[in-house]
């Protein structure tokens, strides 16, 4: 399955603390759910156990929102730490 990142998603990766590999794993093996505007969301938790923005977190959750277009085109990425 081909997974491509929209330029917007690439910018959000760095801002929000995710990696391209985490996004690929999220789309390949994460929980799938319906999203607005006919998009599909994928969600996956990763062990983190590191600091982000001055606070230590055990888990990083990556959400990738994509459209099916010759494989998957990831439009944006949201990251949550807990």
PDB file of N, CA and C in Angstrom:
ATOM      1  N   UNK A   1       0.843  -1.165   0.000  1.00  0.00           N
ATOM      2  CA  UNK A   1       0.000   0.000   0.000  1.00  0.00           C
ATOM      3  C   UNK A   1       0.897   1.240   0.000  1.00  0.00           C
ATOM      4  N   UNK A   2       0.640   2.145  -0.925  1.00  0.00           N
ATOM      5  CA  UNK A   2       1.422   3.370  -0.999  1.00  0.00           C
ATOM      6  C   UNK A   2       0.837   4.408  -0.034  1.00  0.00           C
ATOM      7  N   UNK A   3       1.716   5.019   0.739  1.00  0.00           N
ATOM      8  CA  UNK A   3       1.309   6.067   1.682  1.00  0.00           C
ATOM      9  C   UNK A   3       2.165   7.296   1.377  1.00  0.00           C
ATOM     10  N   UNK A   4       1.501   8.371   1.008  1.00  0.00           N
ATOM     11  CA  UNK A   4       2.193   9.616   0.698  1.00  0.00           C
ATOM     12  C   UNK A   4       1.759  10.683   1.684  1.00  0.00           C
ATOM     13  N   UNK A   5       2.628  11.661   1.906  1.00  0.00           N
ATOM     14  CA  UNK A   5       2.329  12.759   2.825  1.00  0.00           C
ATOM     15  C   UNK A   5       2.154  14.058   2.048  1.00  0.00           C
ATOM     16  N   UNK A   6       1.042  14.721   2.262  1.00  0.00           N
ATOM     17  CA  UNK A   6       0.801  16.049   1.706  1.00  0.00           C
ATOM     18  C   UNK A   6       1.815  17.003   2.341  1.00  0.00           C
ATOM     19  N   UNK A   7       2.249  18.044   1.636  1.00  0.00           N
ATOM     20  CA  UNK A   7       3.199  18.989   2.243  1.00  0.00           C
ATOM     21  C   UNK A   7       2.714  19.550   3.588  1.00  0.00           C
ATOM     22  N   UNK A   8       1.418  19.778   3.732  1.00  0.00           N
ATOM     23  CA  UNK A   8       0.868  20.250   5.016  1.00  0.00           C
ATOM     24  C   UNK A   8       1.170  19.241   6.126  1.00  0.00           C
ATOM     25  N   UNK A   9       0.980  17.963   5.832  1.00  0.00           N
ATOM     26  CA  UNK A   9       1.229  16.921   6.838  1.00  0.00           C
ATOM     27  C   UNK A   9       2.704  16.885   7.228  1.00  0.00           C
ATOM     28  N   UNK A  10       3.591  17.058   6.265  1.00  0.00           N
ATOM     29  CA  UNK A  10       5.037  17.052   6.566  1.00  0.00           C
ATOM     30  C   UNK A  10       5.409  18.166   7.545  1.00  0.00           C
ATOM     31  N   UNK A  11       4.840  19.352   7.338  1.00  0.00           N
ATOM     32  CA  UNK A  11       5.108  20.474   8.244  1.00  0.00           C
ATOM     33  C   UNK A  11       4.591  20.147   9.643  1.00  0.00           C
ATOM     34  N   UNK A  12       3.404  19.569   9.719  1.00  0.00           N
ATOM     35  CA  UNK A  12       2.795  19.251  11.008  1.00  0.00           C
ATOM     36  C   UNK A  12       3.584  18.182  11.766  1.00  0.00           C
ATOM     37  N   UNK A  13       4.225  17.259  11.060  1.00  0.00           N
ATOM     38  CA  UNK A  13       5.030  16.222  11.728  1.00  0.00           C
ATOM     39  C   UNK A  13       6.029  16.854  12.684  1.00  0.00           C
ATOM     40  N   UNK A  14       6.810  17.774  12.160  1.00  0.00           N
ATOM     41  CA  UNK A  14       7.858  18.387  12.967  1.00  0.00           C
ATOM     42  C   UNK A  14       7.273  19.237  14.096  1.00  0.00           C
ATOM     43  N   UNK A  15       6.251  20.019  13.781  1.00  0.00           N
ATOM     44  CA  UNK A  15       5.634  20.879  14.793  1.00  0.00           C
ATOM     45  C   UNK A  15       5.025  20.086  15.941  1.00  0.00           C
ATOM     46  N   UNK A  16       4.464  18.934  15.613  1.00  0.00           N
ATOM     47  CA  UNK A  16       3.683  18.177  16.595  1.00  0.00           C
ATOM     48  C   UNK A  16       4.413  16.987  17.192  1.00  0.00           C
ATOM     49  N   UNK A  17       5.638  16.716  16.747  1.00  0.00           N
ATOM     50  CA  UNK A  17       6.455  15.709  17.399  1.00  0.00           C
ATOM     51  C   UNK A  17       6.289  14.288  16.908  1.00  0.00           C
ATOM     52  N   UNK A  18       5.884  14.099  15.663  1.00  0.00           N
ATOM     53  CA  UNK A  18       5.765  12.750  15.100  1.00  0.00           C
ATOM     54  C   UNK A  18       6.840  12.555  14.033  1.00  0.00           C
ATOM     55  N   UNK A  19       7.055  11.310  13.657  1.00  0.00           N
ATOM     56  CA  UNK A  19       7.980  10.993  12.576  1.00  0.00           C
ATOM     57  C   UNK A  19       7.204  10.407  11.405  1.00  0.00           C
ATOM     58  N   UNK A  20       7.808  10.445  10.251  1.00  0.00           N
ATOM     59  CA  UNK A  20       7.182   9.863   9.068  1.00  0.00           C
ATOM     60  C   UNK A  20       6.959   8.361   9.272  1.00  0.00           C
ATOM     61  N   UNK A  21       7.884   7.693   9.905  1.00  0.00           N
ATOM     62  CA  UNK A  21       7.741   6.255  10.170  1.00  0.00           C
ATOM     63  C   UNK A  21       6.545   5.972  11.076  1.00  0.00           C
ATOM     64  N   UNK A  22       6.345   6.802  12.105  1.00  0.00           N
ATOM     65  CA  UNK A  22       5.183   6.621  12.977  1.00  0.00           C
ATOM     66  C   UNK A  22       3.879   6.798  12.210  1.00  0.00           C
ATOM     67  N   UNK A  23       3.846   7.751  11.290  1.00  0.00           N
ATOM     68  CA  UNK A  23       2.642   7.957  10.486  1.00  0.00           C
ATOM     69  C   UNK A  23       2.400   6.744   9.594  1.00  0.00           C
ATOM     70  N   UNK A  24       3.440   6.221   8.973  1.00  0.00           N
ATOM     71  CA  UNK A  24       3.290   5.036   8.128  1.00  0.00           C
ATOM     72  C   UNK A  24       2.770   3.841   8.941  1.00  0.00           C
ATOM     73  N   UNK A  25       3.330   3.615  10.109  1.00  0.00           N
ATOM     74  CA  UNK A  25       2.869   2.519  10.959  1.00  0.00           C
ATOM     75  C   UNK A  25       1.427   2.737  11.410  1.00  0.00           C
ATOM     76  N   UNK A  26       1.062   3.976  11.659  1.00  0.00           N
ATOM     77  CA  UNK A  26      -0.305   4.291  12.074  1.00  0.00           C
ATOM     78  C   UNK A  26      -1.289   3.943  10.963  1.00  0.00           C
ATOM     79  N   UNK A  27      -0.987   4.309   9.738  1.00  0.00           N
ATOM     80  CA  UNK A  27      -1.881   4.011   8.623  1.00  0.00           C
ATOM     81  C   UNK A  27      -1.903   2.510   8.331  1.00  0.00           C
ATOM     82  N   UNK A  28      -0.774   1.873   8.426  1.00  0.00           N
ATOM     83  CA  UNK A  28      -0.694   0.437   8.106  1.00  0.00           C
ATOM     84  C   UNK A  28      -1.363  -0.445   9.156  1.00  0.00           C
ATOM     85  N   UNK A  29      -1.236  -0.080  10.445  1.00  0.00           N
ATOM     86  CA  UNK A  29      -1.711  -1.013  11.468  1.00  0.00           C
ATOM     87  C   UNK A  29      -2.472  -0.355  12.620  1.00  0.00           C
ATOM     88  N   UNK A  30      -2.849   0.908  12.459  1.00  0.00           N
ATOM     89  CA  UNK A  30      -3.588   1.580  13.519  1.00  0.00           C
ATOM     90  C   UNK A  30      -5.084   1.343  13.423  1.00  0.00           C
ATOM     91  N   UNK A  31      -5.793   1.835  14.414  1.00  0.00           N
ATOM     92  CA  UNK A  31      -7.257   1.775  14.442  1.00  0.00           C
ATOM     93  C   UNK A  31      -7.803   2.726  13.378  1.00  0.00           C
ATOM     94  N   UNK A  32      -8.717   2.243  12.568  1.00  0.00           N
ATOM     95  CA  UNK A  32      -9.314   3.050  11.508  1.00  0.00           C
ATOM     96  C   UNK A  32     -10.670   3.586  11.976  1.00  0.00           C
ATOM     97  N   UNK A  33     -10.951   4.871  11.653  1.00  0.00           N
ATOM     98  CA  UNK A  33     -12.234   5.459  11.999  1.00  0.00           C
ATOM     99  C   UNK A  33     -12.633   6.485  10.933  1.00  0.00           C
ATOM    100  N   UNK A  34     -13.931   6.763  10.863  1.00  0.00           N
ATOM    101  CA  UNK A  34     -14.441   7.748   9.912  1.00  0.00           C
ATOM    102  C   UNK A  34     -14.130   9.150  10.406  1.00  0.00           C
ATOM    103  N   UNK A  35     -13.853  10.044   9.466  1.00  0.00           N
ATOM    104  CA  UNK A  35     -13.558  11.436   9.801  1.00  0.00           C
ATOM    105  C   UNK A  35     -14.408  12.348   8.912  1.00  0.00           C
ATOM    106  N   UNK A  36     -14.376  13.624   9.202  1.00  0.00           N
ATOM    107  CA  UNK A  36     -15.150  14.605   8.431  1.00  0.00           C
ATOM    108  C   UNK A  36     -14.685  14.675   6.986  1.00  0.00           C
ATOM    109  N   UNK A  37     -15.574  15.180   6.149  1.00  0.00           N
ATOM    110  CA  UNK A  37     -15.286  15.483   4.755  1.00  0.00           C
ATOM    111  C   UNK A  37     -14.885  14.253   3.938  1.00  0.00           C
ATOM    112  N   UNK A  38     -15.395  13.090   4.328  1.00  0.00           N
ATOM    113  CA  UNK A  38     -15.112  11.865   3.589  1.00  0.00           C
ATOM    114  C   UNK A  38     -13.710  11.318   3.797  1.00  0.00           C
ATOM    115  N   UNK A  39     -13.025  11.825   4.776  1.00  0.00           N
ATOM    116  CA  UNK A  39     -11.663  11.351   5.066  1.00  0.00           C
ATOM    117  C   UNK A  39     -11.718  10.150   5.996  1.00  0.00           C
ATOM    118  N   UNK A  40     -10.580   9.500   6.112  1.00  0.00           N
ATOM    119  CA  UNK A  40     -10.441   8.358   7.015  1.00  0.00           C
ATOM    120  C   UNK A  40      -9.358   8.706   8.027  1.00  0.00           C
ATOM    121  N   UNK A  41      -9.622   8.418   9.296  1.00  0.00           N
ATOM    122  CA  UNK A  41      -8.634   8.640  10.342  1.00  0.00           C
ATOM    123  C   UNK A  41      -8.025   7.327  10.779  1.00  0.00           C
ATOM    124  N   UNK A  42      -6.777   7.399  11.154  1.00  0.00           N
ATOM    125  CA  UNK A  42      -6.060   6.249  11.716  1.00  0.00           C
ATOM    126  C   UNK A  42      -5.434   6.704  13.020  1.00  0.00           C
ATOM    127  N   UNK A  43      -5.475   5.837  14.022  1.00  0.00           N
ATOM    128  CA  UNK A  43      -4.957   6.190  15.348  1.00  0.00           C
ATOM    129  C   UNK A  43      -4.114   5.027  15.878  1.00  0.00           C
ATOM    130  N   UNK A  44      -2.974   5.380  16.453  1.00  0.00           N
ATOM    131  CA  UNK A  44      -2.119   4.349  17.061  1.00  0.00           C
ATOM    132  C   UNK A  44      -1.338   4.969  18.214  1.00  0.00           C
ATOM    133  N   UNK A  45      -1.195   4.194  19.292  1.00  0.00           N
ATOM    134  CA  UNK A  45      -0.391   4.610  20.445  1.00  0.00           C
ATOM    135  C   UNK A  45       1.005   4.023  20.336  1.00  0.00           C
ATOM    136  N   UNK A  46       1.987   4.823  20.726  1.00  0.00           N
ATOM    137  CA  UNK A  46       3.392   4.399  20.751  1.00  0.00           C
ATOM    138  C   UNK A  46       3.941   4.619  22.153  1.00  0.00           C
ATOM    139  N   UNK A  47       4.788   3.714  22.628  1.00  0.00           N
ATOM    140  CA  UNK A  47       5.508   3.954  23.881  1.00  0.00           C
ATOM    141  C   UNK A  47       6.432   5.133  23.655  1.00  0.00           C
ATOM    142  N   UNK A  48       6.463   6.044  24.593  1.00  0.00           N
ATOM    143  CA  UNK A  48       7.264   7.256  24.413  1.00  0.00           C
ATOM    144  C   UNK A  48       8.309   7.392  25.515  1.00  0.00           C
ATOM    145  N   UNK A  49       7.879   7.530  26.765  1.00  0.00           N
ATOM    146  CA  UNK A  49       8.773   7.630  27.917  1.00  0.00           C
ATOM    147  C   UNK A  49       9.892   8.655  27.725  1.00  0.00           C
ATOM    148  N   UNK A  50       9.520   9.828  27.233  1.00  0.00           N
ATOM    149  CA  UNK A  50      10.468  10.924  27.006  1.00  0.00           C
ATOM    150  C   UNK A  50       9.790  12.234  27.362  1.00  0.00           C
ATOM    151  N   UNK A  51      10.573  13.307  27.289  1.00  0.00           N
ATOM    152  CA  UNK A  51      10.040  14.644  27.520  1.00  0.00           C
ATOM    153  C   UNK A  51       9.545  15.250  26.213  1.00  0.00           C
ATOM    154  N   UNK A  52       8.435  15.972  26.292  1.00  0.00           N
ATOM    155  CA  UNK A  52       7.927  16.786  25.198  1.00  0.00           C
ATOM    156  C   UNK A  52       7.435  18.087  25.811  1.00  0.00           C
ATOM    157  N   UNK A  53       7.957  19.181  25.331  1.00  0.00           N
ATOM    158  CA  UNK A  53       7.587  20.515  25.829  1.00  0.00           C
ATOM    159  C   UNK A  53       7.753  20.621  27.346  1.00  0.00           C
ATOM    160  N   UNK A  54       8.829  20.018  27.857  1.00  0.00           N
ATOM    161  CA  UNK A  54       9.158  20.154  29.262  1.00  0.00           C
ATOM    162  C   UNK A  54       8.434  19.218  30.220  1.00  0.00           C
ATOM    163  N   UNK A  55       7.632  18.306  29.696  1.00  0.00           N
ATOM    164  CA  UNK A  55       6.910  17.344  30.533  1.00  0.00           C
ATOM    165  C   UNK A  55       7.192  15.937  30.038  1.00  0.00           C
ATOM    166  N   UNK A  56       7.304  15.010  30.967  1.00  0.00           N
ATOM    167  CA  UNK A  56       7.580  13.613  30.617  1.00  0.00           C
ATOM    168  C   UNK A  56       6.260  12.880  30.367  1.00  0.00           C
ATOM    169  N   UNK A  57       6.206  12.140  29.259  1.00  0.00           N
ATOM    170  CA  UNK A  57       5.008  11.387  28.880  1.00  0.00           C
ATOM    171  C   UNK A  57       5.376   9.935  28.585  1.00  0.00           C
ATOM    172  N   UNK A  58       4.486   9.034  28.962  1.00  0.00           N
ATOM    173  CA  UNK A  58       4.697   7.605  28.720  1.00  0.00           C
ATOM    174  C   UNK A  58       4.243   7.187  27.326  1.00  0.00           C
ATOM    175  N   UNK A  59       3.219   7.875  26.807  1.00  0.00           N
ATOM    176  CA  UNK A  59       2.598   7.442  25.558  1.00  0.00           C
ATOM    177  C   UNK A  59       2.459   8.606  24.589  1.00  0.00           C
ATOM    178  N   UNK A  60       2.685   8.313  23.317  1.00  0.00           N
ATOM    179  CA  UNK A  60       2.428   9.263  22.243  1.00  0.00           C
ATOM    180  C   UNK A  60       1.362   8.642  21.345  1.00  0.00           C
ATOM    181  N   UNK A  61       0.281   9.377  21.085  1.00  0.00           N
ATOM    182  CA  UNK A  61      -0.773   8.892  20.202  1.00  0.00           C
ATOM    183  C   UNK A  61      -0.713   9.703  18.910  1.00  0.00           C
ATOM    184  N   UNK A  62      -0.600   8.976  17.797  1.00  0.00           N
ATOM    185  CA  UNK A  62      -0.547   9.619  16.485  1.00  0.00           C
ATOM    186  C   UNK A  62      -1.865   9.367  15.774  1.00  0.00           C
ATOM    187  N   UNK A  63      -2.467  10.443  15.263  1.00  0.00           N
ATOM    188  CA  UNK A  63      -3.659  10.342  14.430  1.00  0.00           C
ATOM    189  C   UNK A  63      -3.303  10.900  13.061  1.00  0.00           C
ATOM    190  N   UNK A  64      -3.566  10.119  12.020  1.00  0.00           N
ATOM    191  CA  UNK A  64      -3.323  10.535  10.643  1.00  0.00           C
ATOM    192  C   UNK A  64      -4.660  10.585   9.920  1.00  0.00           C
ATOM    193  N   UNK A  65      -4.929  11.695   9.254  1.00  0.00           N
ATOM    194  CA  UNK A  65      -6.169  11.859   8.500  1.00  0.00           C
ATOM    195  C   UNK A  65      -5.820  11.821   7.019  1.00  0.00           C
ATOM    196  N   UNK A  66      -6.485  10.921   6.284  1.00  0.00           N
ATOM    197  CA  UNK A  66      -6.078  10.654   4.908  1.00  0.00           C
ATOM    198  C   UNK A  66      -7.268  10.508   3.975  1.00  0.00           C
ATOM    199  N   UNK A  67      -6.969  10.597   2.680  1.00  0.00           N
ATOM    200  CA  UNK A  67      -7.933  10.311   1.627  1.00  0.00           C
ATOM    201  C   UNK A  67      -7.321   9.226   0.740  1.00  0.00           C
ATOM    202  N   UNK A  68      -8.185   8.396   0.195  1.00  0.00           N
ATOM    203  CA  UNK A  68      -7.702   7.344  -0.701  1.00  0.00           C
ATOM    204  C   UNK A  68      -7.537   7.941  -2.088  1.00  0.00           C
ATOM    205  N   UNK A  69      -6.299   7.933  -2.560  1.00  0.00           N
ATOM    206  CA  UNK A  69      -5.958   8.553  -3.831  1.00  0.00           C
ATOM    207  C   UNK A  69      -4.701   7.855  -4.350  1.00  0.00           C
ATOM    208  N   UNK A  70      -4.894   6.785  -5.140  1.00  0.00           N
ATOM    209  CA  UNK A  70      -3.756   5.959  -5.587  1.00  0.00           C
ATOM    210  C   UNK A  70      -2.944   5.511  -4.373  1.00  0.00           C
ATOM    211  N   UNK A  71      -3.577   4.872  -3.440  1.00  0.00           N
ATOM    212  CA  UNK A  71      -3.010   4.554  -2.132  1.00  0.00           C
ATOM    213  C   UNK A  71      -3.602   5.543  -1.153  1.00  0.00           C
ATOM    214  N   UNK A  72      -2.847   5.918  -0.143  1.00  0.00           N
ATOM    215  CA  UNK A  72      -3.338   6.879   0.856  1.00  0.00           C
ATOM    216  C   UNK A  72      -2.509   8.147   0.804  1.00  0.00           C
ATOM    217  N   UNK A  73      -3.214   9.274   0.784  1.00  0.00           N
ATOM    218  CA  UNK A  73      -2.578  10.579   0.887  1.00  0.00           C
ATOM    219  C   UNK A  73      -2.932  11.139   2.261  1.00  0.00           C
ATOM    220  N   UNK A  74      -1.941  11.242   3.130  1.00  0.00           N
ATOM    221  CA  UNK A  74      -2.149  11.767   4.483  1.00  0.00           C
ATOM    222  C   UNK A  74      -2.204  13.287   4.399  1.00  0.00           C
ATOM    223  N   UNK A  75      -3.336  13.837   4.834  1.00  0.00           N
ATOM    224  CA  UNK A  75      -3.585  15.267   4.743  1.00  0.00           C
ATOM    225  C   UNK A  75      -3.000  16.024   5.946  1.00  0.00           C
ATOM    226  N   UNK A  76      -3.212  15.484   7.134  1.00  0.00           N
ATOM    227  CA  UNK A  76      -2.687  16.126   8.333  1.00  0.00           C
ATOM    228  C   UNK A  76      -2.436  15.083   9.415  1.00  0.00           C
ATOM    229  N   UNK A  77      -1.691  15.495  10.411  1.00  0.00           N
ATOM    230  CA  UNK A  77      -1.311  14.611  11.517  1.00  0.00           C
ATOM    231  C   UNK A  77      -1.542  15.358  12.829  1.00  0.00           C
ATOM    232  N   UNK A  78      -2.146  14.649  13.796  1.00  0.00           N
ATOM    233  CA  UNK A  78      -2.371  15.192  15.142  1.00  0.00           C
ATOM    234  C   UNK A  78      -1.649  14.271  16.125  1.00  0.00           C
ATOM    235  N   UNK A  79      -0.965  14.844  17.097  1.00  0.00           N
ATOM    236  CA  UNK A  79      -0.229  14.047  18.073  1.00  0.00           C
ATOM    237  C   UNK A  79      -0.694  14.450  19.466  1.00  0.00           C
ATOM    238  N   UNK A  80      -0.946  13.446  20.284  1.00  0.00           N
ATOM    239  CA  UNK A  80      -1.345  13.671  21.680  1.00  0.00           C
ATOM    240  C   UNK A  80      -0.378  12.904  22.579  1.00  0.00           C
ATOM    241  N   UNK A  81      -0.011  13.527  23.681  1.00  0.00           N
ATOM    242  CA  UNK A  81       0.905  12.897  24.637  1.00  0.00           C
ATOM    243  C   UNK A  81       0.160  12.697  25.950  1.00  0.00           C
ATOM    244  N   UNK A  82       0.346  11.544  26.562  1.00  0.00           N
ATOM    245  CA  UNK A  82      -0.242  11.295  27.872  1.00  0.00           C
ATOM    246  C   UNK A  82       0.537  10.223  28.590  1.00  0.00           C
TER     247      UNK A  82
END
